[in-house]
């Protein structure tokens, strides 16, 4: 379940693995094992998914502010 949510967030945010690593605070080696079906795959931590969801909300708010002409 968390893997599906992680993959969906990563697609919507269009993040590379290094960007996911920076956004979540987890190492690139650990992040690279999330979200695939190989034998070394692991489920991403819930806190990492929440951090990506917060990033998505922040981007949406920035886009809204920009489209309303409130951007600096």
PDB file of N, CA and C in Angstrom:
ATOM      1  N   UNK A   1       0.825  -1.195   0.000  1.00  0.00           N
ATOM      2  CA  UNK A   1       0.000   0.000   0.000  1.00  0.00           C
ATOM      3  C   UNK A   1       0.871   1.262   0.000  1.00  0.00           C
ATOM      4  N   UNK A   2       1.853   1.316   0.924  1.00  0.00           N
ATOM      5  CA  UNK A   2       2.719   2.495   0.962  1.00  0.00           C
ATOM      6  C   UNK A   2       3.547   2.608  -0.308  1.00  0.00           C
ATOM      7  N   UNK A   3       3.919   1.475  -0.882  1.00  0.00           N
ATOM      8  CA  UNK A   3       4.705   1.514  -2.119  1.00  0.00           C
ATOM      9  C   UNK A   3       3.907   2.165  -3.237  1.00  0.00           C
ATOM     10  N   UNK A   4       2.627   1.842  -3.343  1.00  0.00           N
ATOM     11  CA  UNK A   4       1.778   2.459  -4.364  1.00  0.00           C
ATOM     12  C   UNK A   4       1.673   3.968  -4.145  1.00  0.00           C
ATOM     13  N   UNK A   5       1.492   4.377  -2.916  1.00  0.00           N
ATOM     14  CA  UNK A   5       1.390   5.807  -2.589  1.00  0.00           C
ATOM     15  C   UNK A   5       2.707   6.515  -2.913  1.00  0.00           C
ATOM     16  N   UNK A   6       3.816   5.886  -2.549  1.00  0.00           N
ATOM     17  CA  UNK A   6       5.131   6.459  -2.848  1.00  0.00           C
ATOM     18  C   UNK A   6       5.321   6.636  -4.348  1.00  0.00           C
ATOM     19  N   UNK A   7       5.019   5.606  -5.108  1.00  0.00           N
ATOM     20  CA  UNK A   7       5.183   5.683  -6.567  1.00  0.00           C
ATOM     21  C   UNK A   7       4.304   6.775  -7.169  1.00  0.00           C
ATOM     22  N   UNK A   8       3.076   6.899  -6.683  1.00  0.00           N
ATOM     23  CA  UNK A   8       2.163   7.926  -7.193  1.00  0.00           C
ATOM     24  C   UNK A   8       2.690   9.329  -6.873  1.00  0.00           C
ATOM     25  N   UNK A   9       3.162   9.530  -5.654  1.00  0.00           N
ATOM     26  CA  UNK A   9       3.707  10.838  -5.270  1.00  0.00           C
ATOM     27  C   UNK A   9       4.959  11.165  -6.074  1.00  0.00           C
ATOM     28  N   UNK A  10       5.810  10.187  -6.240  1.00  0.00           N
ATOM     29  CA  UNK A  10       7.045  10.432  -6.992  1.00  0.00           C
ATOM     30  C   UNK A  10       6.737  10.801  -8.445  1.00  0.00           C
ATOM     31  N   UNK A  11       5.753  10.128  -9.031  1.00  0.00           N
ATOM     32  CA  UNK A  11       5.350  10.462 -10.404  1.00  0.00           C
ATOM     33  C   UNK A  11       4.781  11.873 -10.484  1.00  0.00           C
ATOM     34  N   UNK A  12       3.897  12.212  -9.556  1.00  0.00           N
ATOM     35  CA  UNK A  12       3.271  13.545  -9.586  1.00  0.00           C
ATOM     36  C   UNK A  12       4.286  14.653  -9.356  1.00  0.00           C
ATOM     37  N   UNK A  13       5.257  14.387  -8.497  1.00  0.00           N
ATOM     38  CA  UNK A  13       6.283  15.385  -8.211  1.00  0.00           C
ATOM     39  C   UNK A  13       7.403  15.386  -9.251  1.00  0.00           C
ATOM     40  N   UNK A  14       7.463  14.326 -10.040  1.00  0.00           N
ATOM     41  CA  UNK A  14       8.519  14.163 -11.063  1.00  0.00           C
ATOM     42  C   UNK A  14       9.908  14.279 -10.446  1.00  0.00           C
ATOM     43  N   UNK A  15      10.141  13.504  -9.390  1.00  0.00           N
ATOM     44  CA  UNK A  15      11.407  13.553  -8.678  1.00  0.00           C
ATOM     45  C   UNK A  15      12.336  12.419  -9.097  1.00  0.00           C
ATOM     46  N   UNK A  16      13.610  12.733  -9.188  1.00  0.00           N
ATOM     47  CA  UNK A  16      14.631  11.712  -9.383  1.00  0.00           C
ATOM     48  C   UNK A  16      14.933  11.088  -8.022  1.00  0.00           C
ATOM     49  N   UNK A  17      15.645   9.979  -8.011  1.00  0.00           N
ATOM     50  CA  UNK A  17      15.997   9.359  -6.733  1.00  0.00           C
ATOM     51  C   UNK A  17      16.841  10.289  -5.853  1.00  0.00           C
ATOM     52  N   UNK A  18      17.832  11.006  -6.391  1.00  0.00           N
ATOM     53  CA  UNK A  18      18.560  11.951  -5.525  1.00  0.00           C
ATOM     54  C   UNK A  18      17.650  13.041  -4.942  1.00  0.00           C
ATOM     55  N   UNK A  19      16.662  13.475  -5.701  1.00  0.00           N
ATOM     56  CA  UNK A  19      15.721  14.480  -5.197  1.00  0.00           C
ATOM     57  C   UNK A  19      14.826  13.894  -4.107  1.00  0.00           C
ATOM     58  N   UNK A  20      14.418  12.646  -4.267  1.00  0.00           N
ATOM     59  CA  UNK A  20      13.632  11.976  -3.222  1.00  0.00           C
ATOM     60  C   UNK A  20      14.472  11.856  -1.960  1.00  0.00           C
ATOM     61  N   UNK A  21      15.726  11.490  -2.124  1.00  0.00           N
ATOM     62  CA  UNK A  21      16.631  11.370  -0.985  1.00  0.00           C
ATOM     63  C   UNK A  21      16.742  12.696  -0.236  1.00  0.00           C
ATOM     64  N   UNK A  22      16.936  13.780  -0.964  1.00  0.00           N
ATOM     65  CA  UNK A  22      17.053  15.101  -0.337  1.00  0.00           C
ATOM     66  C   UNK A  22      15.748  15.528   0.326  1.00  0.00           C
ATOM     67  N   UNK A  23      14.627  15.250  -0.307  1.00  0.00           N
ATOM     68  CA  UNK A  23      13.324  15.670   0.217  1.00  0.00           C
ATOM     69  C   UNK A  23      12.913  14.893   1.461  1.00  0.00           C
ATOM     70  N   UNK A  24      13.331  13.633   1.553  1.00  0.00           N
ATOM     71  CA  UNK A  24      12.902  12.796   2.669  1.00  0.00           C
ATOM     72  C   UNK A  24      13.929  12.682   3.781  1.00  0.00           C
ATOM     73  N   UNK A  25      15.185  12.996   3.465  1.00  0.00           N
ATOM     74  CA  UNK A  25      16.230  12.884   4.472  1.00  0.00           C
ATOM     75  C   UNK A  25      16.813  11.492   4.606  1.00  0.00           C
ATOM     76  N   UNK A  26      16.475  10.599   3.704  1.00  0.00           N
ATOM     77  CA  UNK A  26      17.019   9.243   3.720  1.00  0.00           C
ATOM     78  C   UNK A  26      18.124   9.127   2.681  1.00  0.00           C
ATOM     79  N   UNK A  27      19.061   8.212   2.914  1.00  0.00           N
ATOM     80  CA  UNK A  27      20.193   8.056   2.000  1.00  0.00           C
ATOM     81  C   UNK A  27      19.732   7.579   0.628  1.00  0.00           C
ATOM     82  N   UNK A  28      20.512   7.923  -0.381  1.00  0.00           N
ATOM     83  CA  UNK A  28      20.198   7.522  -1.744  1.00  0.00           C
ATOM     84  C   UNK A  28      20.173   6.003  -1.877  1.00  0.00           C
ATOM     85  N   UNK A  29      21.081   5.312  -1.209  1.00  0.00           N
ATOM     86  CA  UNK A  29      21.103   3.850  -1.258  1.00  0.00           C
ATOM     87  C   UNK A  29      19.826   3.239  -0.708  1.00  0.00           C
ATOM     88  N   UNK A  30      19.313   3.818   0.379  1.00  0.00           N
ATOM     89  CA  UNK A  30      18.075   3.325   0.986  1.00  0.00           C
ATOM     90  C   UNK A  30      16.880   3.656   0.098  1.00  0.00           C
ATOM     91  N   UNK A  31      16.833   4.880  -0.397  1.00  0.00           N
ATOM     92  CA  UNK A  31      15.727   5.329  -1.245  1.00  0.00           C
ATOM     93  C   UNK A  31      15.650   4.501  -2.527  1.00  0.00           C
ATOM     94  N   UNK A  32      16.795   4.115  -3.059  1.00  0.00           N
ATOM     95  CA  UNK A  32      16.800   3.373  -4.327  1.00  0.00           C
ATOM     96  C   UNK A  32      16.162   1.995  -4.203  1.00  0.00           C
ATOM     97  N   UNK A  33      15.930   1.529  -2.995  1.00  0.00           N
ATOM     98  CA  UNK A  33      15.296   0.220  -2.789  1.00  0.00           C
ATOM     99  C   UNK A  33      13.774   0.319  -2.641  1.00  0.00           C
ATOM    100  N   UNK A  34      13.243   1.517  -2.632  1.00  0.00           N
ATOM    101  CA  UNK A  34      11.804   1.716  -2.484  1.00  0.00           C
ATOM    102  C   UNK A  34      11.109   1.603  -3.829  1.00  0.00           C
ATOM    103  N   UNK A  35       9.900   1.104  -3.814  1.00  0.00           N
ATOM    104  CA  UNK A  35       8.998   1.239  -4.948  1.00  0.00           C
ATOM    105  C   UNK A  35       9.255   0.382  -6.155  1.00  0.00           C
ATOM    106  N   UNK A  36       9.967  -0.693  -6.008  1.00  0.00           N
ATOM    107  CA  UNK A  36      10.114  -1.614  -7.139  1.00  0.00           C
ATOM    108  C   UNK A  36       9.806  -3.020  -6.663  1.00  0.00           C
ATOM    109  N   UNK A  37       9.816  -3.974  -7.554  1.00  0.00           N
ATOM    110  CA  UNK A  37       9.383  -5.324  -7.195  1.00  0.00           C
ATOM    111  C   UNK A  37      10.530  -6.320  -7.133  1.00  0.00           C
ATOM    112  N   UNK A  38      11.765  -5.853  -7.149  1.00  0.00           N
ATOM    113  CA  UNK A  38      12.914  -6.747  -7.105  1.00  0.00           C
ATOM    114  C   UNK A  38      13.093  -7.393  -5.741  1.00  0.00           C
ATOM    115  N   UNK A  39      14.035  -8.308  -5.666  1.00  0.00           N
ATOM    116  CA  UNK A  39      14.259  -9.039  -4.419  1.00  0.00           C
ATOM    117  C   UNK A  39      14.808  -8.143  -3.310  1.00  0.00           C
ATOM    118  N   UNK A  40      15.424  -7.020  -3.662  1.00  0.00           N
ATOM    119  CA  UNK A  40      15.963  -6.117  -2.642  1.00  0.00           C
ATOM    120  C   UNK A  40      14.992  -4.995  -2.280  1.00  0.00           C
ATOM    121  N   UNK A  41      13.787  -5.043  -2.815  1.00  0.00           N
ATOM    122  CA  UNK A  41      12.813  -3.976  -2.581  1.00  0.00           C
ATOM    123  C   UNK A  41      12.356  -3.953  -1.128  1.00  0.00           C
ATOM    124  N   UNK A  42      12.142  -2.752  -0.630  1.00  0.00           N
ATOM    125  CA  UNK A  42      11.557  -2.558   0.694  1.00  0.00           C
ATOM    126  C   UNK A  42      10.468  -1.503   0.586  1.00  0.00           C
ATOM    127  N   UNK A  43       9.566  -1.548   1.549  1.00  0.00           N
ATOM    128  CA  UNK A  43       8.478  -0.573   1.563  1.00  0.00           C
ATOM    129  C   UNK A  43       8.992   0.740   2.154  1.00  0.00           C
ATOM    130  N   UNK A  44       8.671   1.860   1.522  1.00  0.00           N
ATOM    131  CA  UNK A  44       9.133   3.142   2.061  1.00  0.00           C
ATOM    132  C   UNK A  44       8.502   3.433   3.424  1.00  0.00           C
ATOM    133  N   UNK A  45       9.242   4.090   4.315  1.00  0.00           N
ATOM    134  CA  UNK A  45       8.685   4.446   5.617  1.00  0.00           C
ATOM    135  C   UNK A  45       7.531   5.441   5.474  1.00  0.00           C
ATOM    136  N   UNK A  46       6.583   5.352   6.370  1.00  0.00           N
ATOM    137  CA  UNK A  46       5.418   6.244   6.343  1.00  0.00           C
ATOM    138  C   UNK A  46       5.840   7.710   6.439  1.00  0.00           C
ATOM    139  N   UNK A  47       6.866   8.003   7.226  1.00  0.00           N
ATOM    140  CA  UNK A  47       7.305   9.392   7.382  1.00  0.00           C
ATOM    141  C   UNK A  47       7.855   9.938   6.067  1.00  0.00           C
ATOM    142  N   UNK A  48       8.492   9.120   5.275  1.00  0.00           N
ATOM    143  CA  UNK A  48       9.002   9.564   3.973  1.00  0.00           C
ATOM    144  C   UNK A  48       7.851   9.901   3.038  1.00  0.00           C
ATOM    145  N   UNK A  49       6.814   9.097   3.066  1.00  0.00           N
ATOM    146  CA  UNK A  49       5.642   9.351   2.229  1.00  0.00           C
ATOM    147  C   UNK A  49       4.967  10.642   2.663  1.00  0.00           C
ATOM    148  N   UNK A  50       4.891  10.862   3.959  1.00  0.00           N
ATOM    149  CA  UNK A  50       4.289  12.104   4.463  1.00  0.00           C
ATOM    150  C   UNK A  50       5.103  13.318   4.022  1.00  0.00           C
ATOM    151  N   UNK A  51       6.413  13.216   4.043  1.00  0.00           N
ATOM    152  CA  UNK A  51       7.256  14.336   3.599  1.00  0.00           C
ATOM    153  C   UNK A  51       7.030  14.640   2.125  1.00  0.00           C
ATOM    154  N   UNK A  52       6.865  13.611   1.306  1.00  0.00           N
ATOM    155  CA  UNK A  52       6.589  13.830  -0.117  1.00  0.00           C
ATOM    156  C   UNK A  52       5.202  14.441  -0.306  1.00  0.00           C
ATOM    157  N   UNK A  53       4.234  14.009   0.499  1.00  0.00           N
ATOM    158  CA  UNK A  53       2.884  14.573   0.413  1.00  0.00           C
ATOM    159  C   UNK A  53       2.895  16.052   0.796  1.00  0.00           C
ATOM    160  N   UNK A  54       3.668  16.408   1.809  1.00  0.00           N
ATOM    161  CA  UNK A  54       3.801  17.814   2.214  1.00  0.00           C
ATOM    162  C   UNK A  54       4.435  18.622   1.089  1.00  0.00           C
ATOM    163  N   UNK A  55       5.437  18.063   0.440  1.00  0.00           N
ATOM    164  CA  UNK A  55       6.078  18.741  -0.689  1.00  0.00           C
ATOM    165  C   UNK A  55       5.086  18.962  -1.822  1.00  0.00           C
ATOM    166  N   UNK A  56       4.253  17.970  -2.097  1.00  0.00           N
ATOM    167  CA  UNK A  56       3.245  18.109  -3.151  1.00  0.00           C
ATOM    168  C   UNK A  56       2.245  19.213  -2.803  1.00  0.00           C
ATOM    169  N   UNK A  57       1.795  19.253  -1.549  1.00  0.00           N
ATOM    170  CA  UNK A  57       0.868  20.309  -1.123  1.00  0.00           C
ATOM    171  C   UNK A  57       1.519  21.685  -1.222  1.00  0.00           C
ATOM    172  N   UNK A  58       2.773  21.783  -0.830  1.00  0.00           N
ATOM    173  CA  UNK A  58       3.477  23.066  -0.898  1.00  0.00           C
ATOM    174  C   UNK A  58       3.598  23.539  -2.342  1.00  0.00           C
ATOM    175  N   UNK A  59       3.912  22.629  -3.235  1.00  0.00           N
ATOM    176  CA  UNK A  59       4.000  23.003  -4.653  1.00  0.00           C
ATOM    177  C   UNK A  59       2.645  23.446  -5.183  1.00  0.00           C
ATOM    178  N   UNK A  60       1.593  22.757  -4.771  1.00  0.00           N
ATOM    179  CA  UNK A  60       0.252  23.129  -5.228  1.00  0.00           C
ATOM    180  C   UNK A  60      -0.109  24.527  -4.732  1.00  0.00           C
ATOM    181  N   UNK A  61       0.220  24.836  -3.485  1.00  0.00           N
ATOM    182  CA  UNK A  61      -0.055  26.171  -2.948  1.00  0.00           C
ATOM    183  C   UNK A  61       0.772  27.234  -3.659  1.00  0.00           C
ATOM    184  N   UNK A  62       2.022  26.925  -3.957  1.00  0.00           N
ATOM    185  CA  UNK A  62       2.862  27.869  -4.711  1.00  0.00           C
ATOM    186  C   UNK A  62       2.277  28.125  -6.095  1.00  0.00           C
ATOM    187  N   UNK A  63       1.832  27.063  -6.748  1.00  0.00           N
ATOM    188  CA  UNK A  63       1.231  27.208  -8.076  1.00  0.00           C
ATOM    189  C   UNK A  63      -0.032  28.059  -8.011  1.00  0.00           C
ATOM    190  N   UNK A  64      -0.837  27.836  -6.974  1.00  0.00           N
ATOM    191  CA  UNK A  64      -2.065  28.602  -6.806  1.00  0.00           C
ATOM    192  C   UNK A  64      -1.754  30.080  -6.568  1.00  0.00           C
ATOM    193  N   UNK A  65      -0.801  30.347  -5.706  1.00  0.00           N
ATOM    194  CA  UNK A  65      -0.418  31.736  -5.432  1.00  0.00           C
ATOM    195  C   UNK A  65       0.125  32.400  -6.687  1.00  0.00           C
ATOM    196  N   UNK A  66       0.895  31.677  -7.456  1.00  0.00           N
ATOM    197  CA  UNK A  66       1.457  32.230  -8.688  1.00  0.00           C
ATOM    198  C   UNK A  66       0.354  32.524  -9.698  1.00  0.00           C
ATOM    199  N   UNK A  67      -0.589  31.603  -9.821  1.00  0.00           N
ATOM    200  CA  UNK A  67      -1.664  31.805 -10.797  1.00  0.00           C
ATOM    201  C   UNK A  67      -2.608  32.931 -10.382  1.00  0.00           C
ATOM    202  N   UNK A  68      -2.674  33.226  -9.085  1.00  0.00           N
ATOM    203  CA  UNK A  68      -3.500  34.332  -8.594  1.00  0.00           C
ATOM    204  C   UNK A  68      -2.758  35.660  -8.624  1.00  0.00           C
ATOM    205  N   UNK A  69      -1.508  35.649  -9.050  1.00  0.00           N
ATOM    206  CA  UNK A  69      -0.728  36.875  -9.128  1.00  0.00           C
ATOM    207  C   UNK A  69      -0.141  37.327  -7.815  1.00  0.00           C
ATOM    208  N   UNK A  70      -0.069  36.432  -6.838  1.00  0.00           N
ATOM    209  CA  UNK A  70       0.458  36.803  -5.528  1.00  0.00           C
ATOM    210  C   UNK A  70       1.932  36.467  -5.358  1.00  0.00           C
ATOM    211  N   UNK A  71       2.533  35.895  -6.370  1.00  0.00           N
ATOM    212  CA  UNK A  71       3.949  35.533  -6.255  1.00  0.00           C
ATOM    213  C   UNK A  71       4.808  36.790  -6.270  1.00  0.00           C
ATOM    214  N   UNK A  72       5.876  36.735  -5.519  1.00  0.00           N
ATOM    215  CA  UNK A  72       6.767  37.905  -5.439  1.00  0.00           C
ATOM    216  C   UNK A  72       7.661  37.990  -6.656  1.00  0.00           C
TER     217      UNK A  72
END
